[in-house]
Amino acid sequence: MYVGATMVDRSMQRVAGSVAAFAVAAGFAVAAMPGTASAAPGSITWSDGNSKFTRTVSNVNPIVGDTVTVTTTFERTGIPVEYIYSVKDLHPACLTPVAGSAKMGGDQVELDTSSSDWVRASFGITKYPVYPNISPKSQTFEVQYKVGVNCARDTPLPTSMHYGGSLGDGTYQDKGPAITVSSDALSTTVLTDVAGAQTGKAVTLEATVAPAAAGGTIQFKAGDNVLGDIPVAANGKATIVWTPGAAGSYTIGATFSGRSGVAGSSTTKVVTVADQPTEPSPTPKPSTGSFG
């Protein structure tokens, strides 16, 4: 009887794609909403014989620098019990697994991270059972990823999972939920006006980035001369002291590098530098002759 049930599950796994077509379509509809600023979790559920799987992504519309949590829950809707031997989580190559984040059944587990687009964890063959009618009725695999700057923007990036168990292997491609990295928010950089600049006198250059927040740097330039790269403070400002050496018109540039979820921007402003005024020569005293 046990062997028969195993064969049924394995044969069903080969046609799982058609069984779960509606769930996959629904998941991609959730994931394909670009530009969402707040966290938008997405979830997919499908069945394969008496096995039921639910994959959840904590935020399917993250921005660069966000950390997303991906979970896969294993359940059984009919006999016999199944033991989960291994889980292979497929992810976009631009996502980096967070060290120490992988768990199975609440236990921290080691990850094989030898591939750029999947991680894998293997377990003892009797450690994680899934029963249809007694506890534990489910087991959940969890892993976290950091969203990289090299992720394509506003494009659904597929995720999925494979697993091995006592009832056979399950190979599920592009199940989802897909992850769509939102485009970076636009920024503006503004230079504060500079008046009264003179040669040989220090002047403070100030640039302000909006939206204001700490992160990234401002590179200041006077013509082609790089003055320095200054970190942006929490108020969105960065300043540098500049001492012009010659009179004339200078194109001052301020380039914001960008930060997590915010694109870079730049601006220029022409600053006129004047020579310092020359002190008048003292008037000589008149001669008083020999009496002087």
C-alpha atoms as a PDB file:
ATOM      1  CA  MET A   1       0.000   0.000   0.000  1.00  0.00           C
ATOM      2  CA  TYR A   2       2.871   2.374   0.790  1.00  0.00           C
ATOM      3  CA  VAL A   3       4.539   1.697  -2.575  1.00  0.00           C
ATOM      4  CA  GLY A   4       1.298   2.351  -4.411  1.00  0.00           C
ATOM      5  CA  ALA A   5       0.875   5.717  -2.763  1.00  0.00           C
ATOM      6  CA  THR A   6       4.448   6.605  -3.667  1.00  0.00           C
ATOM      7  CA  MET A   7       3.881   5.826  -7.324  1.00  0.00           C
ATOM      8  CA  VAL A   8       0.718   7.946  -7.375  1.00  0.00           C
ATOM      9  CA  ASP A   9       2.557  10.953  -5.962  1.00  0.00           C
ATOM     10  CA  ARG A  10       5.448  10.626  -8.408  1.00  0.00           C
ATOM     11  CA  SER A  11       3.141  10.376 -11.413  1.00  0.00           C
ATOM     12  CA  MET A  12       1.171  13.380 -10.219  1.00  0.00           C
ATOM     13  CA  GLN A  13       4.375  15.420  -9.892  1.00  0.00           C
ATOM     14  CA  ARG A  14       4.951  15.118 -13.631  1.00  0.00           C
ATOM     15  CA  VAL A  15       1.682  16.921 -14.361  1.00  0.00           C
ATOM     16  CA  ALA A  16       1.776  19.389 -11.505  1.00  0.00           C
ATOM     17  CA  GLY A  17       2.186  22.325 -13.855  1.00  0.00           C
ATOM     18  CA  SER A  18      -1.298  21.926 -15.318  1.00  0.00           C
ATOM     19  CA  VAL A  19      -2.883  21.258 -11.916  1.00  0.00           C
ATOM     20  CA  ALA A  20      -1.514  24.525 -10.533  1.00  0.00           C
ATOM     21  CA  ALA A  21      -1.949  26.757 -13.594  1.00  0.00           C
ATOM     22  CA  PHE A  22      -4.540  28.977 -11.939  1.00  0.00           C
ATOM     23  CA  ALA A  23      -2.436  29.440  -8.811  1.00  0.00           C
ATOM     24  CA  VAL A  24       0.646  30.355 -10.842  1.00  0.00           C
ATOM     25  CA  ALA A  25      -1.272  32.888 -12.916  1.00  0.00           C
ATOM     26  CA  ALA A  26      -2.715  34.440  -9.783  1.00  0.00           C
ATOM     27  CA  GLY A  27       0.727  34.700  -8.221  1.00  0.00           C
ATOM     28  CA  PHE A  28       2.236  36.448 -11.194  1.00  0.00           C
ATOM     29  CA  ALA A  29      -0.648  38.890 -11.260  1.00  0.00           C
ATOM     30  CA  VAL A  30       0.183  39.841  -7.691  1.00  0.00           C
ATOM     31  CA  ALA A  31       3.884  40.164  -8.468  1.00  0.00           C
ATOM     32  CA  ALA A  32       3.629  42.221 -11.641  1.00  0.00           C
ATOM     33  CA  MET A  33       2.693  45.508  -9.960  1.00  0.00           C
ATOM     34  CA  PRO A  34       5.812  47.687 -10.303  1.00  0.00           C
ATOM     35  CA  GLY A  35       6.565  50.816  -8.377  1.00  0.00           C
ATOM     36  CA  THR A  36       4.870  49.876  -5.111  1.00  0.00           C
ATOM     37  CA  ALA A  37       6.632  51.657  -2.264  1.00  0.00           C
ATOM     38  CA  SER A  38       5.277  49.627   0.668  1.00  0.00           C
ATOM     39  CA  ALA A  39       5.819  45.920   1.264  1.00  0.00           C
ATOM     40  CA  ALA A  40       3.495  43.753  -0.821  1.00  0.00           C
ATOM     41  CA  PRO A  41       3.572  40.077   0.181  1.00  0.00           C
ATOM     42  CA  GLY A  42       2.705  37.456  -2.414  1.00  0.00           C
ATOM     43  CA  SER A  43       1.716  33.811  -2.016  1.00  0.00           C
ATOM     44  CA  ILE A  44       1.252  30.762  -4.281  1.00  0.00           C
ATOM     45  CA  THR A  45      -0.417  27.444  -3.385  1.00  0.00           C
ATOM     46  CA  TRP A  46      -0.514  24.308  -5.503  1.00  0.00           C
ATOM     47  CA  SER A  47      -1.130  20.589  -5.020  1.00  0.00           C
ATOM     48  CA  ASP A  48       0.612  17.498  -6.341  1.00  0.00           C
ATOM     49  CA  GLY A  49      -1.270  14.326  -5.446  1.00  0.00           C
ATOM     50  CA  ASN A  50      -1.726  14.426  -1.684  1.00  0.00           C
ATOM     51  CA  SER A  51       1.035  16.968  -1.247  1.00  0.00           C
ATOM     52  CA  LYS A  52       0.238  20.649  -0.861  1.00  0.00           C
ATOM     53  CA  PHE A  53       2.773  23.454  -1.165  1.00  0.00           C
ATOM     54  CA  THR A  54       2.536  27.142  -0.277  1.00  0.00           C
ATOM     55  CA  ARG A  55       5.274  29.601  -1.201  1.00  0.00           C
ATOM     56  CA  THR A  56       5.224  33.115   0.222  1.00  0.00           C
ATOM     57  CA  VAL A  57       7.475  36.097  -0.509  1.00  0.00           C
ATOM     58  CA  SER A  58       7.336  38.786   2.179  1.00  0.00           C
ATOM     59  CA  ASN A  59       7.612  41.584  -0.386  1.00  0.00           C
ATOM     60  CA  VAL A  60       7.187  40.978  -4.125  1.00  0.00           C
ATOM     61  CA  ASN A  61       7.821  44.667  -4.926  1.00  0.00           C
ATOM     62  CA  PRO A  62      11.046  45.450  -3.044  1.00  0.00           C
ATOM     63  CA  ILE A  63      13.581  48.165  -3.770  1.00  0.00           C
ATOM     64  CA  VAL A  64      17.336  47.752  -3.959  1.00  0.00           C
ATOM     65  CA  GLY A  65      18.776  47.062  -0.521  1.00  0.00           C
ATOM     66  CA  ASP A  66      15.603  45.503   0.894  1.00  0.00           C
ATOM     67  CA  THR A  67      15.649  42.086   2.551  1.00  0.00           C
ATOM     68  CA  VAL A  68      12.892  39.674   1.500  1.00  0.00           C
ATOM     69  CA  THR A  69      11.905  36.440   3.235  1.00  0.00           C
ATOM     70  CA  VAL A  70      10.844  33.440   1.144  1.00  0.00           C
ATOM     71  CA  THR A  71       9.038  30.522   2.791  1.00  0.00           C
ATOM     72  CA  THR A  72       7.827  27.196   1.453  1.00  0.00           C
ATOM     73  CA  THR A  73       5.332  25.230   3.547  1.00  0.00           C
ATOM     74  CA  PHE A  74       4.866  21.497   2.975  1.00  0.00           C
ATOM     75  CA  GLU A  75       1.549  19.797   3.887  1.00  0.00           C
ATOM     76  CA  ARG A  76      -0.138  16.417   3.301  1.00  0.00           C
ATOM     77  CA  THR A  77      -3.848  16.056   2.554  1.00  0.00           C
ATOM     78  CA  GLY A  78      -3.848  12.253   2.575  1.00  0.00           C
ATOM     79  CA  ILE A  79      -1.825   9.236   3.675  1.00  0.00           C
ATOM     80  CA  PRO A  80       0.988   8.275   3.928  1.00  0.00           C
ATOM     81  CA  VAL A  81       3.388  10.462   5.904  1.00  0.00           C
ATOM     82  CA  GLU A  82       6.182  12.124   3.925  1.00  0.00           C
ATOM     83  CA  TYR A  83       9.662  12.971   5.195  1.00  0.00           C
ATOM     84  CA  ILE A  84      11.321  16.021   3.655  1.00  0.00           C
ATOM     85  CA  TYR A  85      14.941  15.243   2.763  1.00  0.00           C
ATOM     86  CA  SER A  86      16.062  18.438   1.023  1.00  0.00           C
ATOM     87  CA  VAL A  87      14.826  21.773  -0.344  1.00  0.00           C
ATOM     88  CA  LYS A  88      16.282  23.711  -3.263  1.00  0.00           C
ATOM     89  CA  ASP A  89      15.076  27.318  -3.406  1.00  0.00           C
ATOM     90  CA  LEU A  90      15.395  28.943  -6.839  1.00  0.00           C
ATOM     91  CA  HIS A  91      15.892  32.719  -6.854  1.00  0.00           C
ATOM     92  CA  PRO A  92      17.020  35.510  -9.221  1.00  0.00           C
ATOM     93  CA  ALA A  93      20.813  35.709  -9.401  1.00  0.00           C
ATOM     94  CA  CYS A  94      20.697  39.366  -8.301  1.00  0.00           C
ATOM     95  CA  LEU A  95      19.396  38.290  -4.881  1.00  0.00           C
ATOM     96  CA  THR A  96      22.024  37.356  -2.303  1.00  0.00           C
ATOM     97  CA  PRO A  97      21.143  34.864   0.454  1.00  0.00           C
ATOM     98  CA  VAL A  98      21.542  36.309   3.938  1.00  0.00           C
ATOM     99  CA  ALA A  99      24.030  34.285   5.964  1.00  0.00           C
ATOM    100  CA  GLY A 100      22.438  32.388   8.837  1.00  0.00           C
ATOM    101  CA  SER A 101      18.859  33.079   7.714  1.00  0.00           C
ATOM    102  CA  ALA A 102      17.888  29.581   6.533  1.00  0.00           C
ATOM    103  CA  LYS A 103      15.513  27.599   8.729  1.00  0.00           C
ATOM    104  CA  MET A 104      13.565  24.346   8.458  1.00  0.00           C
ATOM    105  CA  GLY A 105      10.799  23.647  10.916  1.00  0.00           C
ATOM    106  CA  GLY A 106      12.114  26.563  12.991  1.00  0.00           C
ATOM    107  CA  ASP A 107      15.636  25.087  13.163  1.00  0.00           C
ATOM    108  CA  GLN A 108      18.566  26.964  11.675  1.00  0.00           C
ATOM    109  CA  VAL A 109      20.080  24.932   8.824  1.00  0.00           C
ATOM    110  CA  GLU A 110      23.190  25.125   6.671  1.00  0.00           C
ATOM    111  CA  LEU A 111      22.907  26.233   3.051  1.00  0.00           C
ATOM    112  CA  ASP A 112      24.687  25.172  -0.103  1.00  0.00           C
ATOM    113  CA  THR A 113      25.214  28.506  -1.904  1.00  0.00           C
ATOM    114  CA  SER A 114      27.517  27.232  -4.669  1.00  0.00           C
ATOM    115  CA  SER A 115      25.148  28.481  -7.388  1.00  0.00           C
ATOM    116  CA  SER A 116      24.215  32.097  -8.107  1.00  0.00           C
ATOM    117  CA  ASP A 117      20.527  31.300  -8.649  1.00  0.00           C
ATOM    118  CA  TRP A 118      19.636  28.693  -6.039  1.00  0.00           C
ATOM    119  CA  VAL A 119      20.339  27.639  -2.479  1.00  0.00           C
ATOM    120  CA  ARG A 120      19.905  24.126  -1.123  1.00  0.00           C
ATOM    121  CA  ALA A 121      19.546  22.604   2.326  1.00  0.00           C
ATOM    122  CA  SER A 122      19.639  18.888   3.147  1.00  0.00           C
ATOM    123  CA  PHE A 123      18.308  17.228   6.293  1.00  0.00           C
ATOM    124  CA  GLY A 124      18.242  13.919   8.125  1.00  0.00           C
ATOM    125  CA  ILE A 125      15.874  11.452   6.466  1.00  0.00           C
ATOM    126  CA  THR A 126      13.606  11.191   9.508  1.00  0.00           C
ATOM    127  CA  LYS A 127      13.981  14.714  10.926  1.00  0.00           C
ATOM    128  CA  TYR A 128      11.126  16.556   9.192  1.00  0.00           C
ATOM    129  CA  PRO A 129       7.973  14.440   8.743  1.00  0.00           C
ATOM    130  CA  VAL A 130       4.693  15.818   7.401  1.00  0.00           C
ATOM    131  CA  TYR A 131       1.622  13.893   8.593  1.00  0.00           C
ATOM    132  CA  PRO A 132      -1.879  14.174   7.115  1.00  0.00           C
ATOM    133  CA  ASN A 133      -3.732  13.725  10.404  1.00  0.00           C
ATOM    134  CA  ILE A 134      -1.383  14.122  13.385  1.00  0.00           C
ATOM    135  CA  SER A 135       1.237  16.690  14.352  1.00  0.00           C
ATOM    136  CA  PRO A 136       3.356  17.901  12.676  1.00  0.00           C
ATOM    137  CA  LYS A 137       0.934  18.514   9.825  1.00  0.00           C
ATOM    138  CA  SER A 138       3.349  20.901   8.085  1.00  0.00           C
ATOM    139  CA  GLN A 139       7.001  21.860   7.784  1.00  0.00           C
ATOM    140  CA  THR A 140       8.240  25.261   6.596  1.00  0.00           C
ATOM    141  CA  PHE A 141      11.527  26.108   4.918  1.00  0.00           C
ATOM    142  CA  GLU A 142      12.598  29.767   5.182  1.00  0.00           C
ATOM    143  CA  VAL A 143      15.441  31.815   3.706  1.00  0.00           C
ATOM    144  CA  GLN A 144      16.147  35.545   3.389  1.00  0.00           C
ATOM    145  CA  TYR A 145      17.660  37.422   0.447  1.00  0.00           C
ATOM    146  CA  LYS A 146      19.169  40.891  -0.003  1.00  0.00           C
ATOM    147  CA  VAL A 147      18.017  42.702  -3.175  1.00  0.00           C
ATOM    148  CA  GLY A 148      21.022  43.713  -5.291  1.00  0.00           C
ATOM    149  CA  VAL A 149      21.564  46.823  -7.375  1.00  0.00           C
ATOM    150  CA  ASN A 150      22.015  44.634 -10.485  1.00  0.00           C
ATOM    151  CA  CYS A 151      18.376  43.447 -10.415  1.00  0.00           C
ATOM    152  CA  ALA A 152      16.310  44.393 -13.462  1.00  0.00           C
ATOM    153  CA  ARG A 153      13.675  46.985 -12.556  1.00  0.00           C
ATOM    154  CA  ASP A 154       9.921  46.638 -13.064  1.00  0.00           C
ATOM    155  CA  THR A 155      10.407  43.137 -14.502  1.00  0.00           C
ATOM    156  CA  PRO A 156       8.903  39.983 -12.914  1.00  0.00           C
ATOM    157  CA  LEU A 157      11.799  37.777 -11.796  1.00  0.00           C
ATOM    158  CA  PRO A 158      10.757  34.122 -11.290  1.00  0.00           C
ATOM    159  CA  THR A 159      11.253  32.088  -8.127  1.00  0.00           C
ATOM    160  CA  SER A 160      10.456  28.450  -7.451  1.00  0.00           C
ATOM    161  CA  MET A 161      11.591  25.379  -5.551  1.00  0.00           C
ATOM    162  CA  HIS A 162      12.583  21.737  -5.912  1.00  0.00           C
ATOM    163  CA  TYR A 163      12.577  19.233  -3.093  1.00  0.00           C
ATOM    164  CA  GLY A 164      13.354  15.643  -2.273  1.00  0.00           C
ATOM    165  CA  GLY A 165      11.323  13.487   0.072  1.00  0.00           C
ATOM    166  CA  SER A 166      10.434   9.943   1.022  1.00  0.00           C
ATOM    167  CA  LEU A 167       7.653   9.894  -1.614  1.00  0.00           C
ATOM    168  CA  GLY A 168       9.895  11.032  -4.450  1.00  0.00           C
ATOM    169  CA  ASP A 169      11.296  14.235  -5.882  1.00  0.00           C
ATOM    170  CA  GLY A 170       9.318  17.339  -6.790  1.00  0.00           C
ATOM    171  CA  THR A 171      10.731  19.569  -9.540  1.00  0.00           C
ATOM    172  CA  TYR A 172       8.671  22.732  -9.910  1.00  0.00           C
ATOM    173  CA  GLN A 173       9.789  25.415 -12.348  1.00  0.00           C
ATOM    174  CA  ASP A 174       8.630  29.048 -12.269  1.00  0.00           C
ATOM    175  CA  LYS A 175       5.977  28.469  -9.637  1.00  0.00           C
ATOM    176  CA  GLY A 176       6.503  31.891  -8.107  1.00  0.00           C
ATOM    177  CA  PRO A 177       5.700  34.217  -6.586  1.00  0.00           C
ATOM    178  CA  ALA A 178       7.691  36.402  -8.958  1.00  0.00           C
ATOM    179  CA  ILE A 179       9.672  39.286  -7.485  1.00  0.00           C
ATOM    180  CA  THR A 180       9.482  42.665  -9.229  1.00  0.00           C
ATOM    181  CA  VAL A 181      12.132  45.116  -8.064  1.00  0.00           C
ATOM    182  CA  SER A 182      10.652  48.600  -8.170  1.00  0.00           C
ATOM    183  CA  SER A 183      12.397  51.386 -10.031  1.00  0.00           C
ATOM    184  CA  ASP A 184      14.548  53.656  -7.912  1.00  0.00           C
ATOM    185  CA  ALA A 185      12.847  56.840  -6.742  1.00  0.00           C
ATOM    186  CA  LEU A 186      13.958  59.980  -8.561  1.00  0.00           C
ATOM    187  CA  SER A 187      16.099  62.509  -6.728  1.00  0.00           C
ATOM    188  CA  THR A 188      17.041  66.149  -7.211  1.00  0.00           C
ATOM    189  CA  THR A 189      20.257  67.873  -6.204  1.00  0.00           C
ATOM    190  CA  VAL A 190      20.415  71.649  -5.638  1.00  0.00           C
ATOM    191  CA  LEU A 191      23.423  73.886  -4.972  1.00  0.00           C
ATOM    192  CA  THR A 192      23.031  76.821  -2.631  1.00  0.00           C
ATOM    193  CA  ASP A 193      23.816  80.210  -4.218  1.00  0.00           C
ATOM    194  CA  VAL A 194      27.298  81.566  -3.577  1.00  0.00           C
ATOM    195  CA  ALA A 195      27.833  85.336  -3.486  1.00  0.00           C
ATOM    196  CA  GLY A 196      30.905  87.482  -2.820  1.00  0.00           C
ATOM    197  CA  ALA A 197      33.501  84.800  -3.627  1.00  0.00           C
ATOM    198  CA  GLN A 198      37.040  86.171  -3.729  1.00  0.00           C
ATOM    199  CA  THR A 199      40.416  84.727  -4.563  1.00  0.00           C
ATOM    200  CA  GLY A 200      42.295  83.296  -1.623  1.00  0.00           C
ATOM    201  CA  LYS A 201      39.234  83.286   0.646  1.00  0.00           C
ATOM    202  CA  ALA A 202      37.522  80.085   1.776  1.00  0.00           C
ATOM    203  CA  VAL A 203      33.882  79.679   0.722  1.00  0.00           C
ATOM    204  CA  THR A 204      31.461  76.924   1.730  1.00  0.00           C
ATOM    205  CA  LEU A 205      29.695  75.011  -1.038  1.00  0.00           C
ATOM    206  CA  GLU A 206      26.440  73.326   0.043  1.00  0.00           C
ATOM    207  CA  ALA A 207      24.318  70.821  -1.881  1.00  0.00           C
ATOM    208  CA  THR A 208      20.916  69.459  -0.852  1.00  0.00           C
ATOM    209  CA  VAL A 209      19.380  66.177  -2.022  1.00  0.00           C
ATOM    210  CA  ALA A 210      15.651  65.488  -2.094  1.00  0.00           C
ATOM    211  CA  PRO A 211      14.180  63.234  -0.836  1.00  0.00           C
ATOM    212  CA  ALA A 212      16.306  63.935   2.203  1.00  0.00           C
ATOM    213  CA  ALA A 213      17.905  61.037   4.054  1.00  0.00           C
ATOM    214  CA  ALA A 214      21.336  59.821   5.011  1.00  0.00           C
ATOM    215  CA  GLY A 215      23.158  57.727   2.448  1.00  0.00           C
ATOM    216  CA  GLY A 216      25.247  58.172  -0.653  1.00  0.00           C
ATOM    217  CA  THR A 217      27.752  60.917  -1.348  1.00  0.00           C
ATOM    218  CA  ILE A 218      27.942  64.269  -3.113  1.00  0.00           C
ATOM    219  CA  GLN A 219      30.936  64.831  -5.381  1.00  0.00           C
ATOM    220  CA  PHE A 220      31.822  68.513  -5.660  1.00  0.00           C
ATOM    221  CA  LYS A 221      33.757  69.847  -8.640  1.00  0.00           C
ATOM    222  CA  ALA A 222      35.075  73.226  -9.702  1.00  0.00           C
ATOM    223  CA  GLY A 223      35.307  72.930 -13.449  1.00  0.00           C
ATOM    224  CA  ASP A 224      37.161  69.651 -14.040  1.00  0.00           C
ATOM    225  CA  ASN A 225      38.807  69.728 -10.624  1.00  0.00           C
ATOM    226  CA  VAL A 226      37.279  67.265  -8.156  1.00  0.00           C
ATOM    227  CA  LEU A 227      37.085  68.923  -4.753  1.00  0.00           C
ATOM    228  CA  GLY A 228      35.926  65.860  -2.811  1.00  0.00           C
ATOM    229  CA  ASP A 229      33.217  63.264  -2.108  1.00  0.00           C
ATOM    230  CA  ILE A 230      31.177  64.132   0.974  1.00  0.00           C
ATOM    231  CA  PRO A 231      28.651  61.788   2.679  1.00  0.00           C
ATOM    232  CA  VAL A 232      25.052  63.010   2.628  1.00  0.00           C
ATOM    233  CA  ALA A 233      23.651  63.696   6.096  1.00  0.00           C
ATOM    234  CA  ALA A 234      20.196  62.799   7.379  1.00  0.00           C
ATOM    235  CA  ASN A 235      18.906  66.236   6.340  1.00  0.00           C
ATOM    236  CA  GLY A 236      19.985  65.546   2.751  1.00  0.00           C
ATOM    237  CA  LYS A 237      22.839  68.069   2.874  1.00  0.00           C
ATOM    238  CA  ALA A 238      26.569  67.902   2.199  1.00  0.00           C
ATOM    239  CA  THR A 239      29.107  70.745   2.389  1.00  0.00           C
ATOM    240  CA  ILE A 240      32.720  71.332   1.419  1.00  0.00           C
ATOM    241  CA  VAL A 241      35.088  74.290   1.798  1.00  0.00           C
ATOM    242  CA  TRP A 242      36.639  75.659  -1.400  1.00  0.00           C
ATOM    243  CA  THR A 243      39.315  78.319  -1.745  1.00  0.00           C
ATOM    244  CA  PRO A 244      39.494  79.649  -5.313  1.00  0.00           C
ATOM    245  CA  GLY A 245      42.988  80.545  -6.447  1.00  0.00           C
ATOM    246  CA  ALA A 246      42.174  82.812  -9.378  1.00  0.00           C
ATOM    247  CA  ALA A 247      39.458  85.193 -10.432  1.00  0.00           C
ATOM    248  CA  GLY A 248      36.927  84.179 -13.064  1.00  0.00           C
ATOM    249  CA  SER A 249      33.742  82.214 -13.606  1.00  0.00           C
ATOM    250  CA  TYR A 250      33.696  78.650 -12.269  1.00  0.00           C
ATOM    251  CA  THR A 251      31.160  75.924 -13.060  1.00  0.00           C
ATOM    252  CA  ILE A 252      30.546  74.248  -9.718  1.00  0.00           C
ATOM    253  CA  GLY A 253      29.149  70.726 -10.011  1.00  0.00           C
ATOM    254  CA  ALA A 254      27.398  68.575  -7.401  1.00  0.00           C
ATOM    255  CA  THR A 255      26.721  64.918  -8.254  1.00  0.00           C
ATOM    256  CA  PHE A 256      24.691  62.691  -5.911  1.00  0.00           C
ATOM    257  CA  SER A 257      25.786  59.043  -6.094  1.00  0.00           C
ATOM    258  CA  GLY A 258      22.337  57.693  -5.195  1.00  0.00           C
ATOM    259  CA  ARG A 259      21.464  55.425  -2.291  1.00  0.00           C
ATOM    260  CA  SER A 260      19.388  52.304  -1.732  1.00  0.00           C
ATOM    261  CA  GLY A 261      16.133  52.749  -3.647  1.00  0.00           C
ATOM    262  CA  VAL A 262      16.969  56.310  -4.771  1.00  0.00           C
ATOM    263  CA  ALA A 263      18.612  57.179  -8.075  1.00  0.00           C
ATOM    264  CA  GLY A 264      21.497  59.608  -8.390  1.00  0.00           C
ATOM    265  CA  SER A 265      21.220  63.148  -9.754  1.00  0.00           C
ATOM    266  CA  SER A 266      23.439  66.153 -10.450  1.00  0.00           C
ATOM    267  CA  THR A 267      23.397  69.891 -10.917  1.00  0.00           C
ATOM    268  CA  THR A 268      25.751  72.766 -11.747  1.00  0.00           C
ATOM    269  CA  LYS A 269      25.920  76.436 -10.865  1.00  0.00           C
ATOM    270  CA  VAL A 270      28.207  79.195 -12.144  1.00  0.00           C
ATOM    271  CA  VAL A 271      30.080  81.035  -9.397  1.00  0.00           C
ATOM    272  CA  THR A 272      31.920  84.283 -10.131  1.00  0.00           C
ATOM    273  CA  VAL A 273      35.144  84.810  -8.224  1.00  0.00           C
ATOM    274  CA  ALA A 274      36.615  88.309  -7.946  1.00  0.00           C
ATOM    275  CA  ASP A 275      40.109  89.421  -7.038  1.00  0.00           C
ATOM    276  CA  GLN A 276      40.515  90.726  -3.534  1.00  0.00           C
ATOM    277  CA  PRO A 277      40.562  94.543  -3.507  1.00  0.00           C
ATOM    278  CA  THR A 278      44.024  96.072  -3.382  1.00  0.00           C
ATOM    279  CA  GLU A 279      44.811  98.075  -0.261  1.00  0.00           C
ATOM    280  CA  PRO A 280      45.693 101.740  -1.148  1.00  0.00           C
ATOM    281  CA  SER A 281      49.343 102.766  -0.626  1.00  0.00           C
ATOM    282  CA  PRO A 282      49.906 105.045   2.386  1.00  0.00           C
ATOM    283  CA  THR A 283      50.359 108.803   1.578  1.00  0.00           C
ATOM    284  CA  PRO A 284      53.961 109.893   2.218  1.00  0.00           C
ATOM    285  CA  LYS A 285      54.492 112.608   4.843  1.00  0.00           C
ATOM    286  CA  PRO A 286      55.683 116.024   3.562  1.00  0.00           C
ATOM    287  CA  SER A 287      59.349 116.939   4.133  1.00  0.00           C
ATOM    288  CA  THR A 288      60.096 119.479   6.921  1.00  0.00           C
ATOM    289  CA  GLY A 289      63.661 120.318   5.768  1.00  0.00           C
ATOM    290  CA  SER A 290      66.624 120.411   8.104  1.00  0.00           C
ATOM    291  CA  PHE A 291      64.406 121.182  11.070  1.00  0.00           C
ATOM    292  CA  GLY A 292      62.646 117.969  10.394  1.00  0.00           C
END
